[in-house]
PDB file of all heavy atoms in Angstrom:
ATOM      1  N   SER A   1      -7.069  12.303  -3.418  1.00  0.00           N
ATOM      2  CA  SER A   1      -6.141  12.932  -4.365  1.00  0.00           C
ATOM      3  C   SER A   1      -5.677  11.960  -5.444  1.00  0.00           C
ATOM      4  O   SER A   1      -5.101  12.385  -6.440  1.00  0.00           O
ATOM      5  CB  SER A   1      -4.927  13.485  -3.622  1.00  0.00           C
ATOM      6  OG  SER A   1      -4.155  12.417  -3.092  1.00  0.00           O
ATOM      7  N   GLY A   2      -5.881  10.658  -5.221  1.00  0.00           N
ATOM      8  CA  GLY A   2      -5.563   9.663  -6.233  1.00  0.00           C
ATOM      9  C   GLY A   2      -4.155   9.102  -6.193  1.00  0.00           C
ATOM     10  O   GLY A   2      -3.807   8.262  -7.002  1.00  0.00           O
ATOM     11  N   TRP A   3      -3.317   9.499  -5.251  1.00  0.00           N
ATOM     12  CA  TRP A   3      -1.955   8.971  -5.272  1.00  0.00           C
ATOM     13  C   TRP A   3      -1.694   7.863  -4.254  1.00  0.00           C
ATOM     14  O   TRP A   3      -0.566   7.443  -4.084  1.00  0.00           O
ATOM     15  CB  TRP A   3      -0.914  10.072  -5.162  1.00  0.00           C
ATOM     16  CG  TRP A   3      -0.891  10.932  -3.935  1.00  0.00           C
ATOM     17  CD1 TRP A   3      -1.534  12.103  -3.761  1.00  0.00           C
ATOM     18  CD2 TRP A   3      -0.147  10.713  -2.735  1.00  0.00           C
ATOM     19  NE1 TRP A   3      -1.248  12.623  -2.533  1.00  0.00           N
ATOM     20  CE2 TRP A   3      -0.394  11.795  -1.873  1.00  0.00           C
ATOM     21  CE3 TRP A   3       0.707   9.712  -2.294  1.00  0.00           C
ATOM     22  CZ2 TRP A   3       0.171  11.911  -0.617  1.00  0.00           C
ATOM     23  CZ3 TRP A   3       1.276   9.820  -1.033  1.00  0.00           C
ATOM     24  CH2 TRP A   3       1.003  10.912  -0.210  1.00  0.00           C
ATOM     25  N   ILE A   4      -2.714   7.339  -3.624  1.00  0.00           N
ATOM     26  CA  ILE A   4      -2.483   6.252  -2.677  1.00  0.00           C
ATOM     27  C   ILE A   4      -2.658   4.900  -3.357  1.00  0.00           C
ATOM     28  O   ILE A   4      -1.707   4.236  -3.693  1.00  0.00           O
ATOM     29  CB  ILE A   4      -3.380   6.387  -1.428  1.00  0.00           C
ATOM     30  CG1 ILE A   4      -2.988   7.639  -0.658  1.00  0.00           C
ATOM     31  CG2 ILE A   4      -3.264   5.159  -0.545  1.00  0.00           C
ATOM     32  CD1 ILE A   4      -3.793   7.896   0.572  1.00  0.00           C
ATOM     33  N   ASN A   5      -3.891   4.455  -3.543  1.00  0.00           N
ATOM     34  CA  ASN A   5      -4.041   3.123  -4.134  1.00  0.00           C
ATOM     35  C   ASN A   5      -5.333   2.901  -4.891  1.00  0.00           C
ATOM     36  O   ASN A   5      -5.575   1.830  -5.368  1.00  0.00           O
ATOM     37  CB  ASN A   5      -3.896   2.031  -3.075  1.00  0.00           C
ATOM     38  CG  ASN A   5      -5.116   1.912  -2.183  1.00  0.00           C
ATOM     39  OD1 ASN A   5      -5.884   2.848  -2.049  1.00  0.00           O
ATOM     40  ND2 ASN A   5      -5.293   0.774  -1.567  1.00  0.00           N
ATOM     41  N   SER A   6      -6.173   3.874  -4.967  1.00  0.00           N
ATOM     42  CA  SER A   6      -7.425   3.618  -5.671  1.00  0.00           C
ATOM     43  C   SER A   6      -7.662   4.688  -6.721  1.00  0.00           C
ATOM     44  O   SER A   6      -6.767   5.453  -7.066  1.00  0.00           O
ATOM     45  CB  SER A   6      -8.592   3.540  -4.683  1.00  0.00           C
ATOM     46  OG  SER A   6      -8.967   4.821  -4.248  1.00  0.00           O
ATOM     47  N   ASN A   7      -8.843   4.765  -7.173  1.00  0.00           N
ATOM     48  CA  ASN A   7      -9.168   5.666  -8.274  1.00  0.00           C
ATOM     49  C   ASN A   7      -9.195   7.140  -7.879  1.00  0.00           C
ATOM     50  O   ASN A   7      -9.316   8.003  -8.738  1.00  0.00           O
ATOM     51  CB  ASN A   7     -10.509   5.262  -8.893  1.00  0.00           C
ATOM     52  CG  ASN A   7     -11.643   5.283  -7.882  1.00  0.00           C
ATOM     53  OD1 ASN A   7     -11.549   5.936  -6.846  1.00  0.00           O
ATOM     54  ND2 ASN A   7     -12.701   4.552  -8.171  1.00  0.00           N
ATOM     55  N   GLY A   8      -9.118   7.442  -6.605  1.00  0.00           N
ATOM     56  CA  GLY A   8      -9.092   8.829  -6.168  1.00  0.00           C
ATOM     57  C   GLY A   8     -10.421   9.551  -6.291  1.00  0.00           C
ATOM     58  O   GLY A   8     -10.464  10.766  -6.250  1.00  0.00           O
ATOM     59  N   GLU A   9     -11.484   8.804  -6.443  1.00  0.00           N
ATOM     60  CA  GLU A   9     -12.783   9.434  -6.607  1.00  0.00           C
ATOM     61  C   GLU A   9     -13.462   9.750  -5.287  1.00  0.00           C
ATOM     62  O   GLU A   9     -14.387  10.532  -5.237  1.00  0.00           O
ATOM     63  CB  GLU A   9     -13.691   8.554  -7.462  1.00  0.00           C
ATOM     64  CG  GLU A   9     -13.210   8.463  -8.901  1.00  0.00           C
ATOM     65  CD  GLU A   9     -14.083   7.576  -9.743  1.00  0.00           C
ATOM     66  OE1 GLU A   9     -15.092   7.046  -9.233  1.00  0.00           O
ATOM     67  OE2 GLU A   9     -13.753   7.402 -10.924  1.00  0.00           O
ATOM     68  N   ASP A  10     -13.036   9.106  -4.207  1.00  0.00           N
ATOM     69  CA  ASP A  10     -13.668   9.393  -2.934  1.00  0.00           C
ATOM     70  C   ASP A  10     -12.685   9.174  -1.798  1.00  0.00           C
ATOM     71  O   ASP A  10     -11.595   8.666  -1.982  1.00  0.00           O
ATOM     72  CB  ASP A  10     -14.928   8.548  -2.730  1.00  0.00           C
ATOM     73  CG  ASP A  10     -14.756   7.112  -3.160  1.00  0.00           C
ATOM     74  OD1 ASP A  10     -13.670   6.543  -2.953  1.00  0.00           O
ATOM     75  OD2 ASP A  10     -15.696   6.566  -3.702  1.00  0.00           O
ATOM     76  N   ASN A  11     -13.094   9.610  -0.618  1.00  0.00           N
ATOM     77  CA  ASN A  11     -12.211   9.502   0.537  1.00  0.00           C
ATOM     78  C   ASN A  11     -12.823   8.582   1.585  1.00  0.00           C
ATOM     79  O   ASN A  11     -12.845   8.902   2.751  1.00  0.00           O
ATOM     80  CB  ASN A  11     -11.896  10.894   1.109  1.00  0.00           C
ATOM     81  CG  ASN A  11     -13.125  11.634   1.613  1.00  0.00           C
ATOM     82  OD1 ASN A  11     -14.229  11.092   1.600  1.00  0.00           O
ATOM     83  ND2 ASN A  11     -12.931  12.858   2.055  1.00  0.00           N
ATOM     84  N   GLU A  12     -13.281   7.436   1.152  1.00  0.00           N
ATOM     85  CA  GLU A  12     -13.914   6.493   2.054  1.00  0.00           C
ATOM     86  C   GLU A  12     -12.894   5.514   2.630  1.00  0.00           C
ATOM     87  O   GLU A  12     -11.944   5.130   1.961  1.00  0.00           O
ATOM     88  CB  GLU A  12     -14.999   5.719   1.310  1.00  0.00           C
ATOM     89  CG  GLU A  12     -16.118   6.620   0.822  1.00  0.00           C
ATOM     90  CD  GLU A  12     -17.166   5.859   0.040  1.00  0.00           C
ATOM     91  OE1 GLU A  12     -17.118   4.613   0.015  1.00  0.00           O
ATOM     92  OE2 GLU A  12     -18.038   6.516  -0.545  1.00  0.00           O
ATOM     93  N   TYR A  13     -13.136   5.098   3.839  1.00  0.00           N
ATOM     94  CA  TYR A  13     -12.256   4.141   4.495  1.00  0.00           C
ATOM     95  C   TYR A  13     -12.119   2.856   3.679  1.00  0.00           C
ATOM     96  O   TYR A  13     -11.044   2.281   3.593  1.00  0.00           O
ATOM     97  CB  TYR A  13     -12.793   3.785   5.886  1.00  0.00           C
ATOM     98  CG  TYR A  13     -12.547   4.855   6.919  1.00  0.00           C
ATOM     99  CD1 TYR A  13     -13.406   5.945   7.043  1.00  0.00           C
ATOM    100  CD2 TYR A  13     -11.479   4.767   7.785  1.00  0.00           C
ATOM    101  CE1 TYR A  13     -13.194   6.919   7.996  1.00  0.00           C
ATOM    102  CE2 TYR A  13     -11.251   5.730   8.748  1.00  0.00           C
ATOM    103  CZ  TYR A  13     -12.112   6.810   8.854  1.00  0.00           C
ATOM    104  OH  TYR A  13     -11.894   7.763   9.796  1.00  0.00           O
ATOM    105  N   TRP A  14     -13.206   2.404   3.091  1.00  0.00           N
ATOM    106  CA  TRP A  14     -13.174   1.138   2.360  1.00  0.00           C
ATOM    107  C   TRP A  14     -12.216   1.187   1.183  1.00  0.00           C
ATOM    108  O   TRP A  14     -11.736   0.160   0.729  1.00  0.00           O
ATOM    109  CB  TRP A  14     -14.578   0.748   1.897  1.00  0.00           C
ATOM    110  CG  TRP A  14     -15.482   0.470   3.052  1.00  0.00           C
ATOM    111  CD1 TRP A  14     -16.587   1.197   3.402  1.00  0.00           C
ATOM    112  CD2 TRP A  14     -15.371  -0.570   4.024  1.00  0.00           C
ATOM    113  NE1 TRP A  14     -17.157   0.667   4.540  1.00  0.00           N
ATOM    114  CE2 TRP A  14     -16.430  -0.417   4.944  1.00  0.00           C
ATOM    115  CE3 TRP A  14     -14.466  -1.607   4.221  1.00  0.00           C
ATOM    116  CZ2 TRP A  14     -16.614  -1.261   6.022  1.00  0.00           C
ATOM    117  CZ3 TRP A  14     -14.655  -2.452   5.306  1.00  0.00           C
ATOM    118  CH2 TRP A  14     -15.716  -2.276   6.184  1.00  0.00           C
ATOM    119  N   ASP A  15     -11.931   2.362   0.680  1.00  0.00           N
ATOM    120  CA  ASP A  15     -10.994   2.474  -0.437  1.00  0.00           C
ATOM    121  C   ASP A  15      -9.562   2.162  -0.027  1.00  0.00           C
ATOM    122  O   ASP A  15      -8.707   1.963  -0.874  1.00  0.00           O
ATOM    123  CB  ASP A  15     -11.047   3.875  -1.053  1.00  0.00           C
ATOM    124  CG  ASP A  15     -12.259   4.055  -1.938  1.00  0.00           C
ATOM    125  OD1 ASP A  15     -12.848   3.045  -2.368  1.00  0.00           O
ATOM    126  OD2 ASP A  15     -12.617   5.210  -2.194  1.00  0.00           O
ATOM    127  N   LEU A  16      -9.285   2.141   1.265  1.00  0.00           N
ATOM    128  CA  LEU A  16      -7.941   1.797   1.729  1.00  0.00           C
ATOM    129  C   LEU A  16      -7.719   0.295   1.735  1.00  0.00           C
ATOM    130  O   LEU A  16      -6.580  -0.168   1.758  1.00  0.00           O
ATOM    131  CB  LEU A  16      -7.700   2.352   3.138  1.00  0.00           C
ATOM    132  CG  LEU A  16      -7.843   3.858   3.288  1.00  0.00           C
ATOM    133  CD1 LEU A  16      -7.568   4.256   4.727  1.00  0.00           C
ATOM    134  CD2 LEU A  16      -6.949   4.592   2.328  1.00  0.00           C
ATOM    135  N   ASP A  17      -8.783  -0.468   1.715  1.00  0.00           N
ATOM    136  CA  ASP A  17      -8.689  -1.921   1.738  1.00  0.00           C
ATOM    137  C   ASP A  17      -8.039  -2.414   0.445  1.00  0.00           C
ATOM    138  O   ASP A  17      -8.387  -1.973  -0.635  1.00  0.00           O
ATOM    139  CB  ASP A  17     -10.088  -2.529   1.881  1.00  0.00           C
ATOM    140  CG  ASP A  17     -10.041  -4.004   2.201  1.00  0.00           C
ATOM    141  OD1 ASP A  17      -9.068  -4.453   2.826  1.00  0.00           O
ATOM    142  OD2 ASP A  17     -10.988  -4.705   1.809  1.00  0.00           O
ATOM    143  N   GLY A  18      -7.092  -3.302   0.585  1.00  0.00           N
ATOM    144  CA  GLY A  18      -6.455  -3.878  -0.589  1.00  0.00           C
ATOM    145  C   GLY A  18      -5.272  -3.086  -1.102  1.00  0.00           C
ATOM    146  O   GLY A  18      -4.763  -3.358  -2.175  1.00  0.00           O
ATOM    147  N   GLY A  19      -4.784  -2.128  -0.342  1.00  0.00           N
ATOM    148  CA  GLY A  19      -3.611  -1.366  -0.766  1.00  0.00           C
ATOM    149  C   GLY A  19      -2.338  -2.174  -0.589  1.00  0.00           C
ATOM    150  O   GLY A  19      -2.353  -3.327  -0.155  1.00  0.00           O
ATOM    151  N   PHE A  20      -1.238  -1.581  -0.935  1.00  0.00           N
ATOM    152  CA  PHE A  20       0.049  -2.250  -0.840  1.00  0.00           C
ATOM    153  C   PHE A  20       0.800  -1.753   0.377  1.00  0.00           C
ATOM    154  O   PHE A  20       0.968  -0.540   0.566  1.00  0.00           O
ATOM    155  CB  PHE A  20       0.857  -2.024  -2.110  1.00  0.00           C
ATOM    156  CG  PHE A  20       0.227  -2.662  -3.320  1.00  0.00           C
ATOM    157  CD1 PHE A  20      -0.522  -1.916  -4.204  1.00  0.00           C
ATOM    158  CD2 PHE A  20       0.364  -4.019  -3.532  1.00  0.00           C
ATOM    159  CE1 PHE A  20      -1.117  -2.507  -5.303  1.00  0.00           C
ATOM    160  CE2 PHE A  20      -0.225  -4.628  -4.621  1.00  0.00           C
ATOM    161  CZ  PHE A  20      -0.966  -3.869  -5.518  1.00  0.00           C
ATOM    162  N   ALA A  21       1.279  -2.688   1.202  1.00  0.00           N
ATOM    163  CA  ALA A  21       1.945  -2.351   2.452  1.00  0.00           C
ATOM    164  C   ALA A  21       3.183  -1.483   2.235  1.00  0.00           C
ATOM    165  O   ALA A  21       3.434  -0.553   2.994  1.00  0.00           O
ATOM    166  CB  ALA A  21       2.325  -3.629   3.197  1.00  0.00           C
ATOM    167  N   ASP A  22       3.939  -1.771   1.193  1.00  0.00           N
ATOM    168  CA  ASP A  22       5.156  -0.998   0.975  1.00  0.00           C
ATOM    169  C   ASP A  22       4.839   0.457   0.631  1.00  0.00           C
ATOM    170  O   ASP A  22       5.531   1.372   1.063  1.00  0.00           O
ATOM    171  CB  ASP A  22       6.031  -1.637  -0.100  1.00  0.00           C
ATOM    172  CG  ASP A  22       5.327  -1.833  -1.433  1.00  0.00           C
ATOM    173  OD1 ASP A  22       4.103  -2.058  -1.442  1.00  0.00           O
ATOM    174  OD2 ASP A  22       6.024  -1.790  -2.470  1.00  0.00           O
ATOM    175  N   ARG A  23       3.775   0.695  -0.118  1.00  0.00           N
ATOM    176  CA  ARG A  23       3.406   2.068  -0.460  1.00  0.00           C
ATOM    177  C   ARG A  23       2.944   2.826   0.787  1.00  0.00           C
ATOM    178  O   ARG A  23       3.277   3.990   0.969  1.00  0.00           O
ATOM    179  CB  ARG A  23       2.318   2.075  -1.530  1.00  0.00           C
ATOM    180  CG  ARG A  23       2.877   1.537  -2.853  1.00  0.00           C
ATOM    181  CD  ARG A  23       2.015   1.813  -4.021  1.00  0.00           C
ATOM    182  NE  ARG A  23       1.952   3.249  -4.279  1.00  0.00           N
ATOM    183  CZ  ARG A  23       0.884   3.836  -4.811  1.00  0.00           C
ATOM    184  NH1 ARG A  23      -0.177   3.134  -5.137  1.00  0.00           N
ATOM    185  NH2 ARG A  23       0.885   5.129  -5.032  1.00  0.00           N
ATOM    186  N   ALA A  24       2.172   2.162   1.645  1.00  0.00           N
ATOM    187  CA  ALA A  24       1.733   2.820   2.884  1.00  0.00           C
ATOM    188  C   ALA A  24       2.941   3.162   3.755  1.00  0.00           C
ATOM    189  O   ALA A  24       3.002   4.248   4.337  1.00  0.00           O
ATOM    190  CB  ALA A  24       0.759   1.927   3.635  1.00  0.00           C
ATOM    191  N   MET A  25       3.918   2.258   3.830  1.00  0.00           N
ATOM    192  CA  MET A  25       5.121   2.528   4.627  1.00  0.00           C
ATOM    193  C   MET A  25       5.874   3.723   4.042  1.00  0.00           C
ATOM    194  O   MET A  25       6.342   4.590   4.785  1.00  0.00           O
ATOM    195  CB  MET A  25       6.024   1.298   4.672  1.00  0.00           C
ATOM    196  CG  MET A  25       7.201   1.445   5.604  1.00  0.00           C
ATOM    197  SD  MET A  25       6.750   1.507   7.346  1.00  0.00           S
ATOM    198  CE  MET A  25       6.570  -0.226   7.710  1.00  0.00           C
ATOM    199  N   ASP A  26       5.985   3.800   2.709  1.00  0.00           N
ATOM    200  CA  ASP A  26       6.609   4.967   2.067  1.00  0.00           C
ATOM    201  C   ASP A  26       5.893   6.246   2.474  1.00  0.00           C
ATOM    202  O   ASP A  26       6.529   7.249   2.788  1.00  0.00           O
ATOM    203  CB  ASP A  26       6.531   4.858   0.542  1.00  0.00           C
ATOM    204  CG  ASP A  26       7.373   3.742  -0.053  1.00  0.00           C
ATOM    205  OD1 ASP A  26       8.216   3.163   0.652  1.00  0.00           O
ATOM    206  OD2 ASP A  26       7.157   3.449  -1.245  1.00  0.00           O
ATOM    207  N   HIS A  27       4.561   6.215   2.438  1.00  0.00           N
ATOM    208  CA  HIS A  27       3.771   7.402   2.728  1.00  0.00           C
ATOM    209  C   HIS A  27       3.873   7.830   4.188  1.00  0.00           C
ATOM    210  O   HIS A  27       3.797   9.014   4.494  1.00  0.00           O
ATOM    211  CB  HIS A  27       2.301   7.165   2.369  1.00  0.00           C
ATOM    212  CG  HIS A  27       2.094   6.920   0.910  1.00  0.00           C
ATOM    213  ND1 HIS A  27       1.094   6.118   0.430  1.00  0.00           N
ATOM    214  CD2 HIS A  27       2.762   7.352  -0.186  1.00  0.00           C
ATOM    215  CE1 HIS A  27       1.150   6.082  -0.892  1.00  0.00           C
ATOM    216  NE2 HIS A  27       2.158   6.821  -1.287  1.00  0.00           N
ATOM    217  N   ILE A  28       4.042   6.883   5.088  1.00  0.00           N
ATOM    218  CA  ILE A  28       4.136   7.193   6.518  1.00  0.00           C
ATOM    219  C   ILE A  28       5.523   7.695   6.892  1.00  0.00           C
ATOM    220  O   ILE A  28       5.668   8.637   7.649  1.00  0.00           O
ATOM    221  CB  ILE A  28       3.762   5.954   7.365  1.00  0.00           C
ATOM    222  CG1 ILE A  28       2.284   5.606   7.154  1.00  0.00           C
ATOM    223  CG2 ILE A  28       4.063   6.184   8.841  1.00  0.00           C
ATOM    224  CD1 ILE A  28       1.907   4.229   7.651  1.00  0.00           C
ATOM    225  N   THR A  29       6.558   7.047   6.352  1.00  0.00           N
ATOM    226  CA  THR A  29       7.933   7.338   6.780  1.00  0.00           C
ATOM    227  C   THR A  29       8.699   8.273   5.859  1.00  0.00           C
ATOM    228  O   THR A  29       9.686   8.865   6.277  1.00  0.00           O
ATOM    229  CB  THR A  29       8.742   6.040   6.903  1.00  0.00           C
ATOM    230  OG1 THR A  29       8.893   5.453   5.605  1.00  0.00           O
ATOM    231  CG2 THR A  29       8.092   5.074   7.877  1.00  0.00           C
ATOM    232  N   GLY A  30       8.312   8.338   4.582  1.00  0.00           N
ATOM    233  CA  GLY A  30       9.100   9.090   3.615  1.00  0.00           C
ATOM    234  C   GLY A  30      10.331   8.339   3.166  1.00  0.00           C
ATOM    235  O   GLY A  30      11.197   8.875   2.488  1.00  0.00           O
ATOM    236  N   GLN A  31      10.419   7.069   3.547  1.00  0.00           N
ATOM    237  CA  GLN A  31      11.551   6.221   3.164  1.00  0.00           C
ATOM    238  C   GLN A  31      11.048   5.115   2.252  1.00  0.00           C
ATOM    239  O   GLN A  31       9.925   4.640   2.410  1.00  0.00           O
ATOM    240  CB  GLN A  31      12.194   5.614   4.407  1.00  0.00           C
ATOM    241  CG  GLN A  31      12.664   6.652   5.400  1.00  0.00           C
ATOM    242  CD  GLN A  31      12.987   6.050   6.749  1.00  0.00           C
ATOM    243  OE1 GLN A  31      13.086   4.846   6.902  1.00  0.00           O
ATOM    244  NE2 GLN A  31      13.144   6.903   7.752  1.00  0.00           N
ATOM    245  N   ASN A  32      11.879   4.704   1.324  1.00  0.00           N
ATOM    246  CA  ASN A  32      11.483   3.627   0.423  1.00  0.00           C
ATOM    247  C   ASN A  32      11.373   2.319   1.187  1.00  0.00           C
ATOM    248  O   ASN A  32      12.261   1.962   1.955  1.00  0.00           O
ATOM    249  CB  ASN A  32      12.488   3.454  -0.712  1.00  0.00           C
ATOM    250  CG  ASN A  32      12.427   4.593  -1.704  1.00  0.00           C
ATOM    251  OD1 ASN A  32      11.374   5.198  -1.887  1.00  0.00           O
ATOM    252  ND2 ASN A  32      13.536   4.897  -2.331  1.00  0.00           N
ATOM    253  N   ALA A  33      10.266   1.639   0.971  1.00  0.00           N
ATOM    254  CA  ALA A  33      10.055   0.318   1.562  1.00  0.00           C
ATOM    255  C   ALA A  33      10.046  -0.693   0.429  1.00  0.00           C
ATOM    256  O   ALA A  33       9.783  -0.358  -0.718  1.00  0.00           O
ATOM    257  CB  ALA A  33       8.734   0.281   2.313  1.00  0.00           C
ATOM    258  N   VAL A  34      10.340  -1.913   0.770  1.00  0.00           N
ATOM    259  CA  VAL A  34      10.381  -2.975  -0.226  1.00  0.00           C
ATOM    260  C   VAL A  34       9.390  -4.052   0.171  1.00  0.00           C
ATOM    261  O   VAL A  34       9.327  -4.449   1.330  1.00  0.00           O
ATOM    262  CB  VAL A  34      11.800  -3.584  -0.324  1.00  0.00           C
ATOM    263  CG1 VAL A  34      11.822  -4.745  -1.279  1.00  0.00           C
ATOM    264  CG2 VAL A  34      12.812  -2.523  -0.724  1.00  0.00           C
ATOM    265  N   MET A  35       8.612  -4.501  -0.795  1.00  0.00           N
ATOM    266  CA  MET A  35       7.694  -5.609  -0.551  1.00  0.00           C
ATOM    267  C   MET A  35       8.242  -6.825  -1.294  1.00  0.00           C
ATOM    268  O   MET A  35       8.543  -6.751  -2.485  1.00  0.00           O
ATOM    269  CB  MET A  35       6.294  -5.274  -1.049  1.00  0.00           C
ATOM    270  CG  MET A  35       5.284  -6.341  -0.697  1.00  0.00           C
ATOM    271  SD  MET A  35       3.585  -5.804  -0.916  1.00  0.00           S
ATOM    272  CE  MET A  35       3.423  -5.865  -2.680  1.00  0.00           C
ATOM    273  N   ILE A  36       8.381  -7.916  -0.565  1.00  0.00           N
ATOM    274  CA  ILE A  36       8.916  -9.137  -1.143  1.00  0.00           C
ATOM    275  C   ILE A  36       7.859 -10.220  -1.032  1.00  0.00           C
ATOM    276  O   ILE A  36       7.379 -10.522   0.057  1.00  0.00           O
ATOM    277  CB  ILE A  36      10.198  -9.585  -0.408  1.00  0.00           C
ATOM    278  CG1 ILE A  36      11.257  -8.470  -0.506  1.00  0.00           C
ATOM    279  CG2 ILE A  36      10.706 -10.897  -0.963  1.00  0.00           C
ATOM    280  CD1 ILE A  36      12.457  -8.696   0.369  1.00  0.00           C
ATOM    281  N   ALA A  37       7.492 -10.795  -2.168  1.00  0.00           N
ATOM    282  CA  ALA A  37       6.548 -11.914  -2.165  1.00  0.00           C
ATOM    283  C   ALA A  37       7.305 -13.164  -1.741  1.00  0.00           C
ATOM    284  O   ALA A  37       8.417 -13.411  -2.201  1.00  0.00           O
ATOM    285  CB  ALA A  37       5.942 -12.095  -3.550  1.00  0.00           C
ATOM    286  N   MET A  38       6.704 -13.919  -0.860  1.00  0.00           N
ATOM    287  CA  MET A  38       7.346 -15.133  -0.370  1.00  0.00           C
ATOM    288  C   MET A  38       6.453 -16.321  -0.666  1.00  0.00           C
ATOM    289  O   MET A  38       5.370 -16.435  -0.106  1.00  0.00           O
ATOM    290  CB  MET A  38       7.611 -15.009   1.137  1.00  0.00           C
ATOM    291  CG  MET A  38       8.641 -13.960   1.446  1.00  0.00           C
ATOM    292  SD  MET A  38       8.974 -13.671   3.201  1.00  0.00           S
ATOM    293  CE  MET A  38       8.946 -15.245   3.933  1.00  0.00           C
ATOM    294  N   PRO A  39       6.895 -17.212  -1.528  1.00  0.00           N
ATOM    295  CA  PRO A  39       6.097 -18.409  -1.807  1.00  0.00           C
ATOM    296  C   PRO A  39       6.043 -19.321  -0.584  1.00  0.00           C
ATOM    297  O   PRO A  39       6.805 -19.150   0.370  1.00  0.00           O
ATOM    298  CB  PRO A  39       6.842 -19.069  -2.964  1.00  0.00           C
ATOM    299  CG  PRO A  39       8.232 -18.529  -2.887  1.00  0.00           C
ATOM    300  CD  PRO A  39       8.145 -17.172  -2.267  1.00  0.00           C
ATOM    301  N   ASP A  40       5.130 -20.276  -0.625  1.00  0.00           N
ATOM    302  CA  ASP A  40       4.997 -21.232   0.483  1.00  0.00           C
ATOM    303  C   ASP A  40       6.356 -21.799   0.873  1.00  0.00           C
ATOM    304  O   ASP A  40       7.144 -22.192   0.023  1.00  0.00           O
ATOM    305  CB  ASP A  40       4.066 -22.382   0.088  1.00  0.00           C
ATOM    306  CG  ASP A  40       2.629 -21.941  -0.033  1.00  0.00           C
ATOM    307  OD1 ASP A  40       2.300 -20.853   0.460  1.00  0.00           O
ATOM    308  OD2 ASP A  40       1.836 -22.699  -0.631  1.00  0.00           O
ATOM    309  N   GLY A  41       6.609 -21.820   2.166  1.00  0.00           N
ATOM    310  CA  GLY A  41       7.848 -22.387   2.688  1.00  0.00           C
ATOM    311  C   GLY A  41       9.005 -21.415   2.736  1.00  0.00           C
ATOM    312  O   GLY A  41      10.041 -21.719   3.312  1.00  0.00           O
ATOM    313  N   ALA A  42       8.873 -20.245   2.150  1.00  0.00           N
ATOM    314  CA  ALA A  42       9.984 -19.294   2.096  1.00  0.00           C
ATOM    315  C   ALA A  42      10.370 -18.793   3.483  1.00  0.00           C
ATOM    316  O   ALA A  42      11.539 -18.554   3.747  1.00  0.00           O
ATOM    317  CB  ALA A  42       9.647 -18.128   1.185  1.00  0.00           C
ATOM    318  N   ALA A  43       9.393 -18.636   4.367  1.00  0.00           N
ATOM    319  CA  ALA A  43       9.704 -18.144   5.712  1.00  0.00           C
ATOM    320  C   ALA A  43      10.623 -19.107   6.454  1.00  0.00           C
ATOM    321  O   ALA A  43      11.471 -18.688   7.237  1.00  0.00           O
ATOM    322  CB  ALA A  43       8.425 -17.906   6.501  1.00  0.00           C
TER     323      ALA A  43
END
């Protein structure tokens, strides 16, 4: 359908590779998720 993470031209498993974790969490839960980039040493 094109609203996940790729061009929406096909429904292949490989098209899920490289998506964004926060968007997948939104799609699974219906709740807004936040993705925070952490530079080296941030943890």
